[in-house]
Amino acid sequence: MSNFYESVGGDATFRTIVHEFYKQVRTDDILGPMYPADDMEGAEDRLRWFLAQYWGGPQEFNEKRGHPRLRMRHARFRVDEAARDRWLELMGNALATIPREQLPDEHRAAMWDHMERVAHMLLNTPTHGGQQLR
């Protein structure tokens, strides 16, 4: 019996999703500045390790980085509603590159639910009606 990670194609699927996401981030006006231009490959690795581990793949993230501590790791970045929404938009585009045969609707929905929960959890700069609160 295979787990989620294996049933959607394992490393190849997660590598594609993350690569397609970061292809967009490189030139994005909101997210791009949050990432070090000289370490985009490292950023890809870290997100791929995290997602793979979460969905039942290798425990590379914990082995190489320790506990994910997502809120702490993202605290230095201004994650407002615009950043959250853009992250979700680009991640949605990345997921859309994976064929339905490889990532069936129920798996796609589960992954999207996780992406939304994490994106909402990482908000650290409240806004109201598009205006940053002080």
N, C-alpha and C. Protein backbone atom coordinates (compact mmCIF):
# COMPACT_ATOMS: atom_id res chain seq x y z
N MET A 1 0.85 -1.18 0.00
CA MET A 1 0.00 0.00 0.00
C MET A 1 0.89 1.24 0.00
N SER A 2 0.59 2.17 -0.89
CA SER A 2 1.41 3.37 -0.97
C SER A 2 0.78 4.52 -0.19
N ASN A 3 1.62 5.46 0.21
CA ASN A 3 1.12 6.64 0.91
C ASN A 3 0.83 7.75 -0.11
N PHE A 4 0.39 8.89 0.36
CA PHE A 4 0.05 10.01 -0.51
C PHE A 4 1.23 10.38 -1.41
N TYR A 5 2.39 10.56 -0.81
CA TYR A 5 3.59 10.95 -1.54
C TYR A 5 3.85 10.01 -2.71
N GLU A 6 3.84 8.73 -2.44
CA GLU A 6 4.10 7.74 -3.49
C GLU A 6 2.98 7.68 -4.52
N SER A 7 1.74 7.82 -4.05
CA SER A 7 0.61 7.67 -4.97
C SER A 7 0.49 8.81 -5.98
N VAL A 8 1.13 9.95 -5.71
CA VAL A 8 1.08 11.05 -6.67
C VAL A 8 2.37 11.17 -7.48
N GLY A 9 3.26 10.22 -7.35
CA GLY A 9 4.47 10.22 -8.17
C GLY A 9 5.75 10.56 -7.45
N GLY A 10 5.68 10.70 -6.12
CA GLY A 10 6.89 10.90 -5.33
C GLY A 10 7.69 12.14 -5.68
N ASP A 11 8.99 12.01 -5.63
CA ASP A 11 9.88 13.15 -5.80
C ASP A 11 9.64 13.90 -7.10
N ALA A 12 9.39 13.20 -8.18
CA ALA A 12 9.21 13.86 -9.48
C ALA A 12 8.06 14.86 -9.44
N THR A 13 6.96 14.49 -8.82
CA THR A 13 5.81 15.39 -8.74
C THR A 13 6.11 16.60 -7.88
N PHE A 14 6.67 16.38 -6.71
CA PHE A 14 6.97 17.49 -5.81
C PHE A 14 8.06 18.39 -6.39
N ARG A 15 9.01 17.80 -7.07
CA ARG A 15 10.07 18.59 -7.72
C ARG A 15 9.44 19.49 -8.79
N THR A 16 8.51 18.97 -9.57
CA THR A 16 7.85 19.77 -10.61
C THR A 16 7.03 20.89 -10.01
N ILE A 17 6.21 20.58 -9.01
CA ILE A 17 5.38 21.61 -8.39
C ILE A 17 6.24 22.75 -7.87
N VAL A 18 7.27 22.42 -7.12
CA VAL A 18 8.11 23.44 -6.51
C VAL A 18 8.89 24.21 -7.57
N HIS A 19 9.39 23.53 -8.58
CA HIS A 19 10.13 24.22 -9.64
C HIS A 19 9.21 25.19 -10.40
N GLU A 20 8.01 24.74 -10.72
CA GLU A 20 7.07 25.61 -11.43
C GLU A 20 6.68 26.81 -10.57
N PHE A 21 6.57 26.61 -9.27
CA PHE A 21 6.28 27.71 -8.36
C PHE A 21 7.42 28.73 -8.40
N TYR A 22 8.66 28.27 -8.22
CA TYR A 22 9.80 29.19 -8.15
C TYR A 22 10.13 29.84 -9.49
N LYS A 23 9.76 29.22 -10.61
CA LYS A 23 9.94 29.89 -11.89
C LYS A 23 9.16 31.21 -11.91
N GLN A 24 8.01 31.22 -11.27
CA GLN A 24 7.18 32.42 -11.21
C GLN A 24 7.70 33.41 -10.17
N VAL A 25 8.20 32.88 -9.06
CA VAL A 25 8.66 33.73 -7.96
C VAL A 25 9.82 34.62 -8.41
N ARG A 26 10.69 34.09 -9.24
CA ARG A 26 11.90 34.82 -9.65
C ARG A 26 11.60 36.23 -10.15
N THR A 27 10.48 36.41 -10.85
CA THR A 27 10.17 37.71 -11.43
C THR A 27 8.95 38.37 -10.78
N ASP A 28 8.47 37.79 -9.70
CA ASP A 28 7.26 38.32 -9.07
C ASP A 28 7.59 39.56 -8.23
N ASP A 29 6.78 40.60 -8.39
CA ASP A 29 7.04 41.86 -7.69
C ASP A 29 6.77 41.79 -6.19
N ILE A 30 5.94 40.89 -5.75
CA ILE A 30 5.64 40.78 -4.31
C ILE A 30 6.53 39.73 -3.64
N LEU A 31 6.55 38.55 -4.20
CA LEU A 31 7.30 37.45 -3.56
C LEU A 31 8.79 37.45 -3.90
N GLY A 32 9.13 37.83 -5.10
CA GLY A 32 10.52 37.78 -5.55
C GLY A 32 11.50 38.42 -4.59
N PRO A 33 11.21 39.63 -4.09
CA PRO A 33 12.17 40.28 -3.18
C PRO A 33 12.36 39.56 -1.85
N MET A 34 11.48 38.65 -1.50
CA MET A 34 11.62 37.92 -0.24
C MET A 34 12.65 36.80 -0.34
N TYR A 35 13.02 36.44 -1.56
CA TYR A 35 13.91 35.30 -1.76
C TYR A 35 15.28 35.79 -2.21
N PRO A 36 16.34 35.18 -1.68
CA PRO A 36 17.69 35.57 -2.11
C PRO A 36 17.93 35.09 -3.54
N ALA A 37 18.21 36.01 -4.44
CA ALA A 37 18.42 35.67 -5.85
C ALA A 37 19.55 34.65 -6.02
N ASP A 38 20.52 34.68 -5.12
CA ASP A 38 21.67 33.77 -5.24
C ASP A 38 21.42 32.42 -4.58
N ASP A 39 20.21 32.19 -4.04
CA ASP A 39 19.92 30.90 -3.41
C ASP A 39 18.53 30.39 -3.76
N MET A 40 18.08 30.65 -4.98
CA MET A 40 16.76 30.16 -5.38
C MET A 40 16.74 28.63 -5.40
N GLU A 41 17.86 28.03 -5.79
CA GLU A 41 17.93 26.57 -5.80
C GLU A 41 17.78 26.02 -4.39
N GLY A 42 18.41 26.68 -3.42
CA GLY A 42 18.29 26.27 -2.03
C GLY A 42 16.86 26.42 -1.53
N ALA A 43 16.21 27.51 -1.94
CA ALA A 43 14.81 27.72 -1.56
C ALA A 43 13.93 26.62 -2.14
N GLU A 44 14.20 26.25 -3.39
CA GLU A 44 13.44 25.15 -4.01
C GLU A 44 13.63 23.86 -3.23
N ASP A 45 14.87 23.57 -2.89
CA ASP A 45 15.14 22.34 -2.13
C ASP A 45 14.36 22.34 -0.81
N ARG A 46 14.42 23.44 -0.08
CA ARG A 46 13.77 23.49 1.23
C ARG A 46 12.26 23.31 1.14
N LEU A 47 11.62 23.95 0.17
CA LEU A 47 10.17 23.79 0.03
C LEU A 47 9.84 22.37 -0.42
N ARG A 48 10.62 21.83 -1.34
CA ARG A 48 10.38 20.45 -1.79
C ARG A 48 10.54 19.47 -0.64
N TRP A 49 11.59 19.65 0.17
CA TRP A 49 11.79 18.76 1.32
C TRP A 49 10.61 18.85 2.27
N PHE A 50 10.17 20.09 2.53
CA PHE A 50 9.06 20.28 3.46
C PHE A 50 7.79 19.60 2.96
N LEU A 51 7.42 19.86 1.71
CA LEU A 51 6.19 19.28 1.17
C LEU A 51 6.28 17.76 1.08
N ALA A 52 7.40 17.26 0.62
CA ALA A 52 7.56 15.81 0.51
C ALA A 52 7.42 15.16 1.89
N GLN A 53 8.07 15.73 2.87
CA GLN A 53 8.01 15.18 4.23
C GLN A 53 6.58 15.22 4.75
N TYR A 54 5.89 16.33 4.56
CA TYR A 54 4.52 16.47 5.05
C TYR A 54 3.61 15.40 4.46
N TRP A 55 3.81 15.10 3.19
CA TRP A 55 2.94 14.15 2.50
C TRP A 55 3.45 12.71 2.53
N GLY A 56 4.39 12.40 3.41
CA GLY A 56 4.79 11.01 3.61
C GLY A 56 6.06 10.60 2.91
N GLY A 57 6.80 11.56 2.36
CA GLY A 57 8.05 11.25 1.69
C GLY A 57 9.22 11.24 2.66
N PRO A 58 10.42 11.32 2.12
CA PRO A 58 11.62 11.30 2.96
C PRO A 58 11.60 12.43 3.99
N GLN A 59 12.24 12.19 5.10
CA GLN A 59 12.31 13.16 6.20
C GLN A 59 13.48 14.12 6.04
N GLU A 60 13.79 14.49 4.80
CA GLU A 60 14.95 15.34 4.52
C GLU A 60 14.89 16.70 5.22
N PHE A 61 13.69 17.29 5.29
CA PHE A 61 13.62 18.60 5.92
C PHE A 61 14.09 18.52 7.36
N ASN A 62 13.52 17.59 8.12
CA ASN A 62 13.92 17.46 9.53
C ASN A 62 15.40 17.11 9.66
N GLU A 63 15.89 16.24 8.78
CA GLU A 63 17.29 15.83 8.86
C GLU A 63 18.24 16.99 8.58
N LYS A 64 17.87 17.86 7.64
CA LYS A 64 18.78 18.93 7.22
C LYS A 64 18.51 20.27 7.89
N ARG A 65 17.24 20.49 8.33
CA ARG A 65 16.88 21.80 8.85
C ARG A 65 16.26 21.77 10.25
N GLY A 66 15.93 20.59 10.73
CA GLY A 66 15.26 20.50 12.02
C GLY A 66 13.76 20.67 11.85
N HIS A 67 13.09 20.90 12.95
CA HIS A 67 11.63 21.08 12.92
C HIS A 67 11.28 22.23 11.97
N PRO A 68 10.19 22.11 11.20
CA PRO A 68 9.84 23.16 10.24
C PRO A 68 9.66 24.57 10.86
N ARG A 69 9.04 24.69 12.01
CA ARG A 69 8.83 26.00 12.66
C ARG A 69 8.53 27.09 11.64
N LEU A 70 7.48 26.88 10.85
CA LEU A 70 7.19 27.77 9.73
C LEU A 70 6.98 29.23 10.14
N ARG A 71 6.22 29.46 11.20
CA ARG A 71 5.98 30.85 11.60
C ARG A 71 7.29 31.55 11.99
N MET A 72 8.13 30.86 12.71
CA MET A 72 9.41 31.44 13.11
C MET A 72 10.29 31.72 11.88
N ARG A 73 10.35 30.78 10.98
CA ARG A 73 11.22 30.92 9.80
C ARG A 73 10.74 32.05 8.88
N HIS A 74 9.44 32.37 8.92
CA HIS A 74 8.90 33.41 8.05
C HIS A 74 8.69 34.74 8.76
N ALA A 75 8.99 34.82 10.04
CA ALA A 75 8.73 36.03 10.83
C ALA A 75 9.47 37.26 10.29
N ARG A 76 10.62 37.08 9.70
CA ARG A 76 11.39 38.23 9.22
C ARG A 76 10.84 38.82 7.93
N PHE A 77 9.89 38.14 7.32
CA PHE A 77 9.28 38.62 6.08
C PHE A 77 7.93 39.25 6.36
N ARG A 78 7.58 40.26 5.61
CA ARG A 78 6.27 40.90 5.72
C ARG A 78 5.29 40.05 4.92
N VAL A 79 4.53 39.23 5.62
CA VAL A 79 3.55 38.37 4.97
C VAL A 79 2.17 38.97 5.24
N ASP A 80 1.72 39.77 4.28
CA ASP A 80 0.40 40.38 4.40
C ASP A 80 -0.57 39.65 3.47
N GLU A 81 -1.77 40.15 3.37
CA GLU A 81 -2.78 39.47 2.54
C GLU A 81 -2.35 39.41 1.08
N ALA A 82 -1.70 40.47 0.59
CA ALA A 82 -1.25 40.47 -0.80
C ALA A 82 -0.21 39.38 -1.04
N ALA A 83 0.74 39.22 -0.10
CA ALA A 83 1.76 38.19 -0.23
C ALA A 83 1.13 36.80 -0.14
N ARG A 84 0.22 36.64 0.82
CA ARG A 84 -0.47 35.35 0.95
C ARG A 84 -1.22 35.00 -0.33
N ASP A 85 -1.98 35.97 -0.84
CA ASP A 85 -2.78 35.72 -2.03
C ASP A 85 -1.90 35.42 -3.25
N ARG A 86 -0.79 36.14 -3.37
CA ARG A 86 0.12 35.89 -4.50
C ARG A 86 0.76 34.52 -4.37
N TRP A 87 1.16 34.15 -3.15
CA TRP A 87 1.75 32.82 -2.94
C TRP A 87 0.77 31.75 -3.37
N LEU A 88 -0.48 31.92 -2.98
CA LEU A 88 -1.51 30.94 -3.36
C LEU A 88 -1.74 30.95 -4.87
N GLU A 89 -1.74 32.11 -5.48
CA GLU A 89 -1.93 32.20 -6.93
C GLU A 89 -0.82 31.45 -7.66
N LEU A 90 0.43 31.71 -7.28
CA LEU A 90 1.56 31.06 -7.95
C LEU A 90 1.60 29.57 -7.67
N MET A 91 1.24 29.19 -6.45
CA MET A 91 1.20 27.76 -6.12
C MET A 91 0.07 27.08 -6.89
N GLY A 92 -1.06 27.75 -7.03
CA GLY A 92 -2.16 27.20 -7.83
C GLY A 92 -1.74 27.00 -9.27
N ASN A 93 -1.01 27.97 -9.82
CA ASN A 93 -0.49 27.83 -11.19
C ASN A 93 0.45 26.62 -11.29
N ALA A 94 1.29 26.45 -10.28
CA ALA A 94 2.24 25.33 -10.27
C ALA A 94 1.50 24.00 -10.21
N LEU A 95 0.52 23.91 -9.33
CA LEU A 95 -0.26 22.67 -9.23
C LEU A 95 -0.98 22.35 -10.54
N ALA A 96 -1.41 23.40 -11.25
CA ALA A 96 -2.13 23.20 -12.51
C ALA A 96 -1.25 22.58 -13.59
N THR A 97 0.08 22.60 -13.41
CA THR A 97 0.96 21.99 -14.42
C THR A 97 1.02 20.47 -14.28
N ILE A 98 0.51 19.95 -13.19
CA ILE A 98 0.54 18.50 -12.95
C ILE A 98 -0.73 17.89 -13.55
N PRO A 99 -0.59 16.94 -14.46
CA PRO A 99 -1.77 16.33 -15.08
C PRO A 99 -2.68 15.64 -14.07
N ARG A 100 -3.97 15.65 -14.34
CA ARG A 100 -4.97 15.02 -13.45
C ARG A 100 -4.69 13.53 -13.26
N GLU A 101 -4.13 12.87 -14.25
CA GLU A 101 -3.82 11.44 -14.10
C GLU A 101 -2.77 11.23 -13.02
N GLN A 102 -1.88 12.18 -12.88
CA GLN A 102 -0.81 12.09 -11.89
C GLN A 102 -1.26 12.61 -10.53
N LEU A 103 -2.09 13.65 -10.54
CA LEU A 103 -2.57 14.26 -9.30
C LEU A 103 -4.10 14.34 -9.38
N PRO A 104 -4.76 13.23 -9.04
CA PRO A 104 -6.23 13.18 -9.13
C PRO A 104 -6.89 14.24 -8.26
N ASP A 105 -8.13 14.54 -8.57
CA ASP A 105 -8.86 15.62 -7.91
C ASP A 105 -8.83 15.53 -6.39
N GLU A 106 -9.01 14.34 -5.83
CA GLU A 106 -9.05 14.25 -4.36
C GLU A 106 -7.68 14.57 -3.75
N HIS A 107 -6.61 14.17 -4.42
CA HIS A 107 -5.26 14.49 -3.95
C HIS A 107 -4.97 15.98 -4.15
N ARG A 108 -5.38 16.50 -5.29
CA ARG A 108 -5.19 17.92 -5.58
C ARG A 108 -5.92 18.77 -4.53
N ALA A 109 -7.15 18.38 -4.19
CA ALA A 109 -7.93 19.12 -3.19
C ALA A 109 -7.26 19.05 -1.83
N ALA A 110 -6.72 17.91 -1.47
CA ALA A 110 -6.04 17.77 -0.17
C ALA A 110 -4.79 18.66 -0.14
N MET A 111 -4.04 18.66 -1.23
CA MET A 111 -2.84 19.51 -1.27
C MET A 111 -3.23 20.98 -1.21
N TRP A 112 -4.26 21.35 -1.94
CA TRP A 112 -4.68 22.75 -1.95
C TRP A 112 -5.17 23.19 -0.57
N ASP A 113 -5.90 22.32 0.11
CA ASP A 113 -6.36 22.64 1.46
C ASP A 113 -5.16 22.92 2.37
N HIS A 114 -4.14 22.09 2.26
CA HIS A 114 -2.93 22.28 3.07
C HIS A 114 -2.25 23.60 2.71
N MET A 115 -2.13 23.89 1.42
CA MET A 115 -1.50 25.14 0.99
C MET A 115 -2.25 26.35 1.56
N GLU A 116 -3.56 26.32 1.50
CA GLU A 116 -4.36 27.44 2.02
C GLU A 116 -4.18 27.60 3.52
N ARG A 117 -4.21 26.48 4.25
CA ARG A 117 -4.05 26.57 5.71
C ARG A 117 -2.70 27.15 6.09
N VAL A 118 -1.65 26.69 5.42
CA VAL A 118 -0.30 27.19 5.72
C VAL A 118 -0.19 28.67 5.36
N ALA A 119 -0.71 29.04 4.19
CA ALA A 119 -0.63 30.44 3.77
C ALA A 119 -1.35 31.36 4.75
N HIS A 120 -2.50 30.95 5.22
CA HIS A 120 -3.24 31.78 6.19
C HIS A 120 -2.51 31.83 7.53
N MET A 121 -1.91 30.73 7.93
CA MET A 121 -1.19 30.66 9.20
C MET A 121 0.02 31.60 9.22
N LEU A 122 0.63 31.82 8.06
CA LEU A 122 1.85 32.61 8.01
C LEU A 122 1.61 34.11 7.94
N LEU A 123 0.37 34.54 7.87
CA LEU A 123 0.09 35.98 7.89
C LEU A 123 0.68 36.59 9.16
N ASN A 124 1.46 37.65 8.99
CA ASN A 124 2.05 38.30 10.15
C ASN A 124 1.97 39.83 10.07
N THR A 125 1.36 40.33 9.01
CA THR A 125 1.18 41.77 8.85
C THR A 125 -0.29 42.00 8.50
N PRO A 126 -1.11 42.26 9.53
CA PRO A 126 -2.54 42.40 9.29
C PRO A 126 -2.86 43.59 8.40
N THR A 127 -3.86 43.39 7.56
CA THR A 127 -4.36 44.47 6.72
C THR A 127 -5.88 44.49 6.86
N HIS A 128 -6.44 45.61 6.52
CA HIS A 128 -7.89 45.74 6.56
C HIS A 128 -8.31 46.50 5.31
N GLY A 129 -9.07 45.84 4.47
CA GLY A 129 -9.52 46.48 3.24
C GLY A 129 -8.38 46.95 2.36
N GLY A 130 -7.29 46.17 2.34
CA GLY A 130 -6.16 46.52 1.50
C GLY A 130 -5.20 47.51 2.13
N GLN A 131 -5.52 48.06 3.29
CA GLN A 131 -4.65 49.03 3.97
C GLN A 131 -3.91 48.32 5.11
N GLN A 132 -2.61 48.54 5.16
CA GLN A 132 -1.83 47.95 6.25
C GLN A 132 -2.22 48.61 7.56
N LEU A 133 -2.47 47.80 8.57
CA LEU A 133 -2.79 48.32 9.90
C LEU A 133 -1.50 48.68 10.62
N ARG A 134 -1.52 49.71 11.39
CA ARG A 134 -0.32 50.12 12.13
C ARG A 134 -0.46 49.77 13.58
